[in-house]
Amino acid sequence: MLDPDEVAAYEEWKARKASGSIDLSVTAYNSEMESQAVAYEKGVKDAVKDILEAVGDHQKARSVTERLVAASPFRKPGMRGHTPS
C-alpha cells in the first residue's frame, strides 16, 4: 500500500517541476541531442583505446575507433545528432 504522505509529496514535487523554468526551446533540444552523440563517441573512443592499446595495437585501435564512430546511431541522416558535411 502506498503511503499517502509520500504520494502527496511526489505529486507536489511533480507539479513544481512541471511549472518550473524548463527550457523547451529547439536550441535546448538540439544541444541535448548533440550531447548524446558526443557522449557515445567519447565512450567508444575510451573503450577501444583502453582495450586495444592494452595489447599494444595502436593502428588497430585507431581503425576500430573510426569505424565505430562512423557507425554512431546518433549521427546517421535523419537522426537527432546528424550534422551534414
Protein backbone atom coordinates (compact mmCIF):
# COMPACT_ATOMS: atom_id res chain seq x y z
CA MET A 1 0.00 0.00 0.00
CA LEU A 2 1.26 3.44 -0.88
CA ASP A 3 1.91 5.93 1.89
CA PRO A 4 -0.50 8.88 1.37
CA ASP A 5 2.10 11.38 2.61
CA GLU A 6 4.72 10.08 0.17
CA VAL A 7 2.23 10.19 -2.70
CA ALA A 8 1.30 13.77 -1.78
CA ALA A 9 4.98 14.74 -1.60
CA TYR A 10 5.59 13.20 -5.01
CA GLU A 11 2.59 14.99 -6.54
CA GLU A 12 3.80 18.29 -5.09
CA TRP A 13 7.30 17.70 -6.47
CA LYS A 14 5.88 16.78 -9.90
CA ALA A 15 3.71 19.91 -10.04
CA ARG A 16 6.66 22.09 -9.02
CA LYS A 17 8.85 20.58 -11.76
CA ALA A 18 6.13 20.92 -14.40
CA SER A 19 5.56 24.59 -13.59
CA GLY A 20 9.26 25.40 -13.25
CA SER A 21 11.54 27.06 -15.74
CA ILE A 22 12.22 24.14 -18.05
CA ASP A 23 13.80 25.14 -21.35
CA LEU A 24 11.71 23.59 -24.11
CA SER A 25 13.30 25.52 -26.96
CA VAL A 26 14.59 23.93 -30.14
CA THR A 27 18.11 25.05 -29.17
CA ALA A 28 17.89 23.21 -25.85
CA TYR A 29 16.60 20.11 -27.62
CA ASN A 30 19.39 20.19 -30.20
CA SER A 31 22.01 20.69 -27.50
CA GLU A 32 20.72 17.68 -25.59
CA MET A 33 20.72 15.50 -28.71
CA GLU A 34 24.24 16.64 -29.64
CA SER A 35 25.44 15.82 -26.13
CA GLN A 36 24.12 12.25 -26.51
CA ALA A 37 26.06 11.83 -29.76
CA VAL A 38 29.24 13.25 -28.22
CA ALA A 39 28.89 11.02 -25.15
CA TYR A 40 28.51 7.93 -27.38
CA GLU A 41 31.60 8.85 -29.39
CA LYS A 42 33.66 9.57 -26.26
CA GLY A 43 32.64 6.23 -24.75
CA VAL A 44 33.61 4.36 -27.93
CA LYS A 45 36.97 6.11 -28.14
CA ASP A 46 37.80 5.48 -24.50
CA ALA A 47 36.75 1.82 -24.56
CA VAL A 48 38.59 0.95 -27.76
CA LYS A 49 41.69 2.83 -26.65
CA ASP A 50 41.79 1.07 -23.30
CA ILE A 51 41.20 -2.41 -24.71
CA LEU A 52 43.33 -2.40 -27.84
CA GLU A 53 46.16 -0.23 -26.59
CA ALA A 54 46.49 -2.54 -23.61
CA VAL A 55 47.65 -5.19 -26.07
CA GLY A 56 49.82 -2.66 -27.93
CA ASP A 57 48.00 -2.43 -31.26
CA HIS A 58 47.69 1.34 -31.77
CA GLN A 59 46.93 1.18 -35.51
CA LYS A 60 44.07 -1.25 -34.96
CA ALA A 61 42.79 0.93 -32.11
CA ARG A 62 42.52 3.91 -34.48
CA SER A 63 40.91 1.82 -37.21
CA VAL A 64 38.29 0.28 -34.92
CA THR A 65 37.55 3.64 -33.30
CA GLU A 66 36.99 5.31 -36.68
CA ARG A 67 34.62 2.54 -37.80
CA LEU A 68 32.59 2.60 -34.59
CA VAL A 69 32.31 6.38 -34.54
CA ALA A 70 31.27 6.38 -38.21
CA ALA A 71 28.55 3.85 -37.33
CA SER A 72 27.19 6.01 -34.49
CA PRO A 73 23.41 5.63 -34.28
CA PHE A 74 23.23 9.29 -33.24
CA ARG A 75 24.93 10.66 -36.38
CA LYS A 76 23.03 8.89 -39.17
CA PRO A 77 20.97 11.05 -41.57
CA GLY A 78 17.54 11.65 -40.13
CA MET A 79 18.77 11.18 -36.57
CA ARG A 80 18.83 13.89 -33.93
CA GLY A 81 22.63 14.29 -33.78
CA HIS A 82 23.20 14.25 -37.52
CA THR A 83 25.46 17.05 -38.72
CA PRO A 84 25.56 17.39 -42.51
CA SER A 85 29.03 17.71 -44.01
